[in-house]
Every structure is written in C-alpha cells, then in structure tokens.
C-alpha cells in the first residue's frame, strides 16, 4: 500500500515555531491525500488462507519482522 500525503510542509512550519517571521494570518494550503493499494495487498486478498495465517501469527505474538528487511525495502522503493 502506498500513501501519498500532499500537504505542503511550509504550511506546518509556523505551528512548529520554525518560522517566527511568518505571519499567522496566512491561509493554509491543503493538498489532497491519496491511497493506492499495492499488488501485494491484492495478492493477500486473493488468498484468504495466507491472510488468515498472518492474522493468527500476529494474534499469537509470533509474527516477527526484520527491521533490516524493512529498511532495505524502503530504500529500494525510494531508489527505484
């Protein structure tokens, strides 16, 4: 699943105190968020037994995720 947040970061900075000279009366510019379901999510919904296995492992506390695999996946997605 891919989530895109199109909210402009410059509209958040005055609230965080990063830009003291920015007038507080500026209207905020808001973007539109979007969500895209990945092919992996589609595959999981197509095979309910796999999803059930993952849910059971999560509920039992035996579902382990490797932080290095997550980091590698994030970096690979950004670099491709």
PDB file of N, CA and C in Angstrom:
ATOM      1  N   UNK A   1       0.851  -1.160   0.000  1.00  0.00           N
ATOM      2  CA  UNK A   1       0.000   0.000   0.000  1.00  0.00           C
ATOM      3  C   UNK A   1       0.894   1.219   0.000  1.00  0.00           C
ATOM      4  N   UNK A   2       0.528   2.215  -0.762  1.00  0.00           N
ATOM      5  CA  UNK A   2       1.292   3.441  -0.834  1.00  0.00           C
ATOM      6  C   UNK A   2       0.376   4.587  -0.443  1.00  0.00           C
ATOM      7  N   UNK A   3       0.817   5.421   0.484  1.00  0.00           N
ATOM      8  CA  UNK A   3       0.044   6.569   0.930  1.00  0.00           C
ATOM      9  C   UNK A   3       0.823   7.820   0.575  1.00  0.00           C
ATOM     10  N   UNK A   4       0.199   8.707  -0.162  1.00  0.00           N
ATOM     11  CA  UNK A   4       0.827   9.965  -0.538  1.00  0.00           C
ATOM     12  C   UNK A   4       0.174  11.093   0.225  1.00  0.00           C
ATOM     13  N   UNK A   5       0.959  11.845   0.960  1.00  0.00           N
ATOM     14  CA  UNK A   5       0.454  12.994   1.684  1.00  0.00           C
ATOM     15  C   UNK A   5       0.909  14.233   0.935  1.00  0.00           C
ATOM     16  N   UNK A   6      -0.007  14.911   0.324  1.00  0.00           N
ATOM     17  CA  UNK A   6       0.328  16.063  -0.493  1.00  0.00           C
ATOM     18  C   UNK A   6       0.213  17.380   0.257  1.00  0.00           C
ATOM     19  N   UNK A   7       0.080  17.324   1.576  1.00  0.00           N
ATOM     20  CA  UNK A   7       0.026  18.528   2.386  1.00  0.00           C
ATOM     21  C   UNK A   7       1.388  19.208   2.318  1.00  0.00           C
ATOM     22  N   UNK A   8       1.395  20.489   2.030  1.00  0.00           N
ATOM     23  CA  UNK A   8       2.657  21.189   1.877  1.00  0.00           C
ATOM     24  C   UNK A   8       3.274  21.450   3.245  1.00  0.00           C
ATOM     25  N   UNK A   9       4.558  21.119   3.369  1.00  0.00           N
ATOM     26  CA  UNK A   9       5.232  21.237   4.660  1.00  0.00           C
ATOM     27  C   UNK A   9       5.371  22.688   5.089  1.00  0.00           C
ATOM     28  N   UNK A  10       5.383  23.644   4.163  1.00  0.00           N
ATOM     29  CA  UNK A  10       5.529  25.038   4.567  1.00  0.00           C
ATOM     30  C   UNK A  10       4.303  25.558   5.297  1.00  0.00           C
ATOM     31  N   UNK A  11       3.181  24.855   5.202  1.00  0.00           N
ATOM     32  CA  UNK A  11       2.003  25.281   5.941  1.00  0.00           C
ATOM     33  C   UNK A  11       2.038  24.778   7.373  1.00  0.00           C
ATOM     34  N   UNK A  12       2.952  23.858   7.687  1.00  0.00           N
ATOM     35  CA  UNK A  12       3.063  23.310   9.033  1.00  0.00           C
ATOM     36  C   UNK A  12       4.119  24.062   9.841  1.00  0.00           C
ATOM     37  N   UNK A  13       5.141  24.580   9.199  1.00  0.00           N
ATOM     38  CA  UNK A  13       6.271  25.203   9.880  1.00  0.00           C
ATOM     39  C   UNK A  13       5.871  26.284  10.882  1.00  0.00           C
ATOM     40  N   UNK A  14       4.932  27.210  10.587  1.00  0.00           N
ATOM     41  CA  UNK A  14       4.590  28.232  11.583  1.00  0.00           C
ATOM     42  C   UNK A  14       4.049  27.633  12.887  1.00  0.00           C
ATOM     43  N   UNK A  15       3.341  26.521  12.814  1.00  0.00           N
ATOM     44  CA  UNK A  15       2.821  25.895  14.018  1.00  0.00           C
ATOM     45  C   UNK A  15       3.926  25.293  14.866  1.00  0.00           C
ATOM     46  N   UNK A  16       5.031  24.908  14.235  1.00  0.00           N
ATOM     47  CA  UNK A  16       6.130  24.272  14.947  1.00  0.00           C
ATOM     48  C   UNK A  16       7.148  25.280  15.455  1.00  0.00           C
ATOM     49  N   UNK A  17       6.958  26.528  15.123  1.00  0.00           N
ATOM     50  CA  UNK A  17       7.879  27.556  15.579  1.00  0.00           C
ATOM     51  C   UNK A  17       9.134  27.647  14.732  1.00  0.00           C
ATOM     52  N   UNK A  18       9.167  27.014  13.573  1.00  0.00           N
ATOM     53  CA  UNK A  18      10.349  27.037  12.718  1.00  0.00           C
ATOM     54  C   UNK A  18      10.495  28.358  11.973  1.00  0.00           C
ATOM     55  N   UNK A  19       9.434  29.091  11.843  1.00  0.00           N
ATOM     56  CA  UNK A  19       9.470  30.322  11.060  1.00  0.00           C
ATOM     57  C   UNK A  19       8.819  31.448  11.846  1.00  0.00           C
ATOM     58  N   UNK A  20       9.559  32.083  12.768  1.00  0.00           N
ATOM     59  CA  UNK A  20       8.941  33.103  13.618  1.00  0.00           C
ATOM     60  C   UNK A  20       8.491  34.334  12.855  1.00  0.00           C
ATOM     61  N   UNK A  21       9.090  34.646  11.695  1.00  0.00           N
ATOM     62  CA  UNK A  21       8.712  35.829  10.951  1.00  0.00           C
ATOM     63  C   UNK A  21       7.506  35.600  10.045  1.00  0.00           C
ATOM     64  N   UNK A  22       7.027  34.386   9.955  1.00  0.00           N
ATOM     65  CA  UNK A  22       5.872  34.092   9.103  1.00  0.00           C
ATOM     66  C   UNK A  22       4.609  34.631   9.769  1.00  0.00           C
ATOM     67  N   UNK A  23       3.819  35.415   9.041  1.00  0.00           N
ATOM     68  CA  UNK A  23       2.573  35.928   9.618  1.00  0.00           C
ATOM     69  C   UNK A  23       1.601  34.798   9.906  1.00  0.00           C
ATOM     70  N   UNK A  24       0.884  34.900  11.014  1.00  0.00           N
ATOM     71  CA  UNK A  24      -0.043  33.845  11.402  1.00  0.00           C
ATOM     72  C   UNK A  24      -1.362  33.933  10.657  1.00  0.00           C
ATOM     73  N   UNK A  25      -1.574  34.991   9.898  1.00  0.00           N
ATOM     74  CA  UNK A  25      -2.837  35.135   9.198  1.00  0.00           C
ATOM     75  C   UNK A  25      -2.816  34.498   7.813  1.00  0.00           C
ATOM     76  N   UNK A  26      -1.692  33.888   7.424  1.00  0.00           N
ATOM     77  CA  UNK A  26      -1.622  33.233   6.109  1.00  0.00           C
ATOM     78  C   UNK A  26      -2.597  32.076   6.044  1.00  0.00           C
ATOM     79  N   UNK A  27      -3.390  31.992   4.987  1.00  0.00           N
ATOM     80  CA  UNK A  27      -4.254  30.820   4.848  1.00  0.00           C
ATOM     81  C   UNK A  27      -3.397  29.606   4.549  1.00  0.00           C
ATOM     82  N   UNK A  28      -3.802  28.481   5.075  1.00  0.00           N
ATOM     83  CA  UNK A  28      -3.048  27.247   4.846  1.00  0.00           C
ATOM     84  C   UNK A  28      -3.431  26.651   3.509  1.00  0.00           C
ATOM     85  N   UNK A  29      -2.440  26.104   2.854  1.00  0.00           N
ATOM     86  CA  UNK A  29      -2.677  25.421   1.592  1.00  0.00           C
ATOM     87  C   UNK A  29      -2.748  23.937   1.887  1.00  0.00           C
ATOM     88  N   UNK A  30      -3.866  23.346   1.581  1.00  0.00           N
ATOM     89  CA  UNK A  30      -4.036  21.918   1.837  1.00  0.00           C
ATOM     90  C   UNK A  30      -4.091  21.165   0.518  1.00  0.00           C
ATOM     91  N   UNK A  31      -3.415  20.043   0.503  1.00  0.00           N
ATOM     92  CA  UNK A  31      -3.423  19.184  -0.673  1.00  0.00           C
ATOM     93  C   UNK A  31      -4.488  18.115  -0.518  1.00  0.00           C
ATOM     94  N   UNK A  32      -4.453  17.194  -1.397  1.00  0.00           N
ATOM     95  CA  UNK A  32      -5.396  16.085  -1.352  1.00  0.00           C
ATOM     96  C   UNK A  32      -4.599  14.803  -1.157  1.00  0.00           C
ATOM     97  N   UNK A  33      -4.924  14.036  -0.120  1.00  0.00           N
ATOM     98  CA  UNK A  33      -4.250  12.773   0.146  1.00  0.00           C
ATOM     99  C   UNK A  33      -4.797  11.698  -0.774  1.00  0.00           C
ATOM    100  N   UNK A  34      -3.952  10.721  -1.069  1.00  0.00           N
ATOM    101  CA  UNK A  34      -4.404   9.612  -1.889  1.00  0.00           C
ATOM    102  C   UNK A  34      -3.811   8.311  -1.345  1.00  0.00           C
ATOM    103  N   UNK A  35      -4.497   7.218  -1.593  1.00  0.00           N
ATOM    104  CA  UNK A  35      -4.065   5.896  -1.170  1.00  0.00           C
ATOM    105  C   UNK A  35      -4.105   4.973  -2.376  1.00  0.00           C
ATOM    106  N   UNK A  36      -3.066   4.169  -2.515  1.00  0.00           N
ATOM    107  CA  UNK A  36      -3.001   3.211  -3.618  1.00  0.00           C
ATOM    108  C   UNK A  36      -2.689   1.841  -3.023  1.00  0.00           C
ATOM    109  N   UNK A  37      -3.519   0.866  -3.315  1.00  0.00           N
ATOM    110  CA  UNK A  37      -3.313  -0.490  -2.824  1.00  0.00           C
ATOM    111  C   UNK A  37      -2.269  -1.179  -3.705  1.00  0.00           C
ATOM    112  N   UNK A  38      -1.256  -1.736  -3.077  1.00  0.00           N
ATOM    113  CA  UNK A  38      -0.178  -2.374  -3.826  1.00  0.00           C
ATOM    114  C   UNK A  38      -0.614  -3.737  -4.360  1.00  0.00           C
ATOM    115  N   UNK A  39       0.193  -4.266  -5.240  1.00  0.00           N
ATOM    116  CA  UNK A  39      -0.101  -5.588  -5.786  1.00  0.00           C
ATOM    117  C   UNK A  39      -0.006  -6.657  -4.702  1.00  0.00           C
ATOM    118  N   UNK A  40       0.862  -6.453  -3.697  1.00  0.00           N
ATOM    119  CA  UNK A  40       0.964  -7.410  -2.595  1.00  0.00           C
ATOM    120  C   UNK A  40      -0.339  -7.463  -1.811  1.00  0.00           C
ATOM    121  N   UNK A  41      -0.944  -6.321  -1.552  1.00  0.00           N
ATOM    122  CA  UNK A  41      -2.223  -6.299  -0.844  1.00  0.00           C
ATOM    123  C   UNK A  41      -3.291  -7.007  -1.670  1.00  0.00           C
ATOM    124  N   UNK A  42      -3.257  -6.824  -2.965  1.00  0.00           N
ATOM    125  CA  UNK A  42      -4.213  -7.509  -3.836  1.00  0.00           C
ATOM    126  C   UNK A  42      -4.013  -9.018  -3.792  1.00  0.00           C
ATOM    127  N   UNK A  43      -2.760  -9.445  -3.724  1.00  0.00           N
ATOM    128  CA  UNK A  43      -2.462 -10.875  -3.643  1.00  0.00           C
ATOM    129  C   UNK A  43      -2.960 -11.452  -2.323  1.00  0.00           C
ATOM    130  N   UNK A  44      -2.810 -10.707  -1.241  1.00  0.00           N
ATOM    131  CA  UNK A  44      -3.266 -11.190   0.062  1.00  0.00           C
ATOM    132  C   UNK A  44      -4.778 -11.345   0.097  1.00  0.00           C
ATOM    133  N   UNK A  45      -5.488 -10.426  -0.517  1.00  0.00           N
ATOM    134  CA  UNK A  45      -6.944 -10.538  -0.520  1.00  0.00           C
ATOM    135  C   UNK A  45      -7.402 -11.658  -1.443  1.00  0.00           C
ATOM    136  N   UNK A  46      -6.574 -11.997  -2.436  1.00  0.00           N
ATOM    137  CA  UNK A  46      -6.927 -13.083  -3.349  1.00  0.00           C
ATOM    138  C   UNK A  46      -6.709 -14.451  -2.697  1.00  0.00           C
ATOM    139  N   UNK A  47      -5.846 -14.517  -1.672  1.00  0.00           N
ATOM    140  CA  UNK A  47      -5.549 -15.778  -0.981  1.00  0.00           C
ATOM    141  C   UNK A  47      -5.887 -15.620   0.501  1.00  0.00           C
ATOM    142  N   UNK A  48      -7.149 -15.849   0.869  1.00  0.00           N
ATOM    143  CA  UNK A  48      -7.568 -15.632   2.255  1.00  0.00           C
ATOM    144  C   UNK A  48      -6.836 -16.514   3.265  1.00  0.00           C
ATOM    145  N   UNK A  49      -6.334 -17.684   2.851  1.00  0.00           N
ATOM    146  CA  UNK A  49      -5.625 -18.544   3.794  1.00  0.00           C
ATOM    147  C   UNK A  49      -4.315 -17.911   4.240  1.00  0.00           C
ATOM    148  N   UNK A  50      -3.624 -17.234   3.345  1.00  0.00           N
ATOM    149  CA  UNK A  50      -2.373 -16.545   3.694  1.00  0.00           C
ATOM    150  C   UNK A  50      -2.665 -15.409   4.669  1.00  0.00           C
ATOM    151  N   UNK A  51      -3.721 -14.679   4.403  1.00  0.00           N
ATOM    152  CA  UNK A  51      -4.098 -13.586   5.290  1.00  0.00           C
ATOM    153  C   UNK A  51      -4.488 -14.122   6.667  1.00  0.00           C
ATOM    154  N   UNK A  52      -5.183 -15.252   6.684  1.00  0.00           N
ATOM    155  CA  UNK A  52      -5.562 -15.882   7.959  1.00  0.00           C
ATOM    156  C   UNK A  52      -4.332 -16.338   8.730  1.00  0.00           C
ATOM    157  N   UNK A  53      -3.341 -16.877   8.029  1.00  0.00           N
ATOM    158  CA  UNK A  53      -2.106 -17.300   8.678  1.00  0.00           C
ATOM    159  C   UNK A  53      -1.362 -16.109   9.286  1.00  0.00           C
ATOM    160  N   UNK A  54      -1.301 -15.021   8.533  1.00  0.00           N
ATOM    161  CA  UNK A  54      -0.639 -13.814   9.043  1.00  0.00           C
ATOM    162  C   UNK A  54      -1.379 -13.261  10.259  1.00  0.00           C
ATOM    163  N   UNK A  55      -2.698 -13.249  10.202  1.00  0.00           N
ATOM    164  CA  UNK A  55      -3.505 -12.749  11.312  1.00  0.00           C
ATOM    165  C   UNK A  55      -3.304 -13.616  12.557  1.00  0.00           C
ATOM    166  N   UNK A  56      -3.271 -14.932  12.374  1.00  0.00           N
ATOM    167  CA  UNK A  56      -3.078 -15.851  13.500  1.00  0.00           C
ATOM    168  C   UNK A  56      -1.697 -15.663  14.122  1.00  0.00           C
ATOM    169  N   UNK A  57      -0.674 -15.502  13.302  1.00  0.00           N
ATOM    170  CA  UNK A  57       0.678 -15.284  13.819  1.00  0.00           C
ATOM    171  C   UNK A  57       0.762 -13.953  14.568  1.00  0.00           C
ATOM    172  N   UNK A  58       0.113 -12.930  14.044  1.00  0.00           N
ATOM    173  CA  UNK A  58       0.099 -11.624  14.715  1.00  0.00           C
ATOM    174  C   UNK A  58      -0.623 -11.728  16.059  1.00  0.00           C
ATOM    175  N   UNK A  59      -1.784 -12.362  16.057  1.00  0.00           N
ATOM    176  CA  UNK A  59      -2.560 -12.510  17.295  1.00  0.00           C
ATOM    177  C   UNK A  59      -1.803 -13.322  18.346  1.00  0.00           C
ATOM    178  N   UNK A  60      -1.030 -14.322  17.907  1.00  0.00           N
ATOM    179  CA  UNK A  60      -0.280 -15.175  18.834  1.00  0.00           C
ATOM    180  C   UNK A  60       1.025 -14.514  19.291  1.00  0.00           C
ATOM    181  N   UNK A  61       1.389 -13.416  18.651  1.00  0.00           N
ATOM    182  CA  UNK A  61       2.634 -12.733  19.013  1.00  0.00           C
ATOM    183  C   UNK A  61       3.864 -13.374  18.415  1.00  0.00           C
ATOM    184  N   UNK A  62       3.674 -14.213  17.419  1.00  0.00           N
ATOM    185  CA  UNK A  62       4.810 -14.901  16.799  1.00  0.00           C
ATOM    186  C   UNK A  62       5.194 -14.310  15.439  1.00  0.00           C
ATOM    187  N   UNK A  63       4.514 -13.274  15.017  1.00  0.00           N
ATOM    188  CA  UNK A  63       4.819 -12.641  13.733  1.00  0.00           C
ATOM    189  C   UNK A  63       5.973 -11.672  13.959  1.00  0.00           C
ATOM    190  N   UNK A  64       7.135 -12.018  13.423  1.00  0.00           N
ATOM    191  CA  UNK A  64       8.336 -11.202  13.607  1.00  0.00           C
ATOM    192  C   UNK A  64       8.715 -10.538  12.298  1.00  0.00           C
ATOM    193  N   UNK A  65       9.092  -9.288  12.410  1.00  0.00           N
ATOM    194  CA  UNK A  65       9.501  -8.510  11.247  1.00  0.00           C
ATOM    195  C   UNK A  65      10.947  -8.092  11.446  1.00  0.00           C
ATOM    196  N   UNK A  66      11.754  -8.283  10.431  1.00  0.00           N
ATOM    197  CA  UNK A  66      13.155  -7.899  10.485  1.00  0.00           C
ATOM    198  C   UNK A  66      13.286  -6.404  10.174  1.00  0.00           C
ATOM    199  N   UNK A  67      13.810  -5.618  11.121  1.00  0.00           N
ATOM    200  CA  UNK A  67      13.999  -4.182  10.851  1.00  0.00           C
ATOM    201  C   UNK A  67      14.902  -3.933   9.643  1.00  0.00           C
ATOM    202  N   UNK A  68      15.893  -4.778   9.432  1.00  0.00           N
ATOM    203  CA  UNK A  68      16.780  -4.567   8.290  1.00  0.00           C
ATOM    204  C   UNK A  68      16.056  -4.826   6.971  1.00  0.00           C
ATOM    205  N   UNK A  69      15.133  -5.794   6.949  1.00  0.00           N
ATOM    206  CA  UNK A  69      14.361  -6.026   5.727  1.00  0.00           C
ATOM    207  C   UNK A  69      13.438  -4.850   5.434  1.00  0.00           C
ATOM    208  N   UNK A  70      12.856  -4.273   6.485  1.00  0.00           N
ATOM    209  CA  UNK A  70      12.003  -3.093   6.294  1.00  0.00           C
ATOM    210  C   UNK A  70      12.829  -1.943   5.741  1.00  0.00           C
ATOM    211  N   UNK A  71      13.994  -1.696   6.343  1.00  0.00           N
ATOM    212  CA  UNK A  71      14.855  -0.612   5.875  1.00  0.00           C
ATOM    213  C   UNK A  71      15.286  -0.827   4.432  1.00  0.00           C
ATOM    214  N   UNK A  72      15.659  -2.054   4.096  1.00  0.00           N
ATOM    215  CA  UNK A  72      16.047  -2.357   2.716  1.00  0.00           C
ATOM    216  C   UNK A  72      14.901  -2.135   1.744  1.00  0.00           C
ATOM    217  N   UNK A  73      13.715  -2.539   2.127  1.00  0.00           N
ATOM    218  CA  UNK A  73      12.548  -2.352   1.265  1.00  0.00           C
ATOM    219  C   UNK A  73      12.245  -0.874   1.046  1.00  0.00           C
ATOM    220  N   UNK A  74      12.350  -0.083   2.107  1.00  0.00           N
ATOM    221  CA  UNK A  74      12.114   1.359   1.983  1.00  0.00           C
ATOM    222  C   UNK A  74      13.142   1.982   1.046  1.00  0.00           C
ATOM    223  N   UNK A  75      14.405   1.656   1.272  1.00  0.00           N
ATOM    224  CA  UNK A  75      15.460   2.220   0.421  1.00  0.00           C
ATOM    225  C   UNK A  75      15.320   1.773  -1.019  1.00  0.00           C
ATOM    226  N   UNK A  76      15.016   0.496  -1.245  1.00  0.00           N
ATOM    227  CA  UNK A  76      14.835   0.011  -2.614  1.00  0.00           C
ATOM    228  C   UNK A  76      13.675   0.705  -3.308  1.00  0.00           C
ATOM    229  N   UNK A  77      12.587   0.944  -2.566  1.00  0.00           N
ATOM    230  CA  UNK A  77      11.432   1.627  -3.157  1.00  0.00           C
ATOM    231  C   UNK A  77      11.781   3.069  -3.522  1.00  0.00           C
ATOM    232  N   UNK A  78      12.581   3.722  -2.688  1.00  0.00           N
ATOM    233  CA  UNK A  78      12.957   5.108  -2.962  1.00  0.00           C
ATOM    234  C   UNK A  78      13.954   5.217  -4.105  1.00  0.00           C
ATOM    235  N   UNK A  79      14.804   4.231  -4.256  1.00  0.00           N
ATOM    236  CA  UNK A  79      15.844   4.269  -5.282  1.00  0.00           C
ATOM    237  C   UNK A  79      15.365   3.763  -6.640  1.00  0.00           C
ATOM    238  N   UNK A  80      14.241   3.091  -6.672  1.00  0.00           N
ATOM    239  CA  UNK A  80      13.785   2.566  -7.967  1.00  0.00           C
ATOM    240  C   UNK A  80      12.795   3.465  -8.633  1.00  0.00           C
TER     241      UNK A  80
END
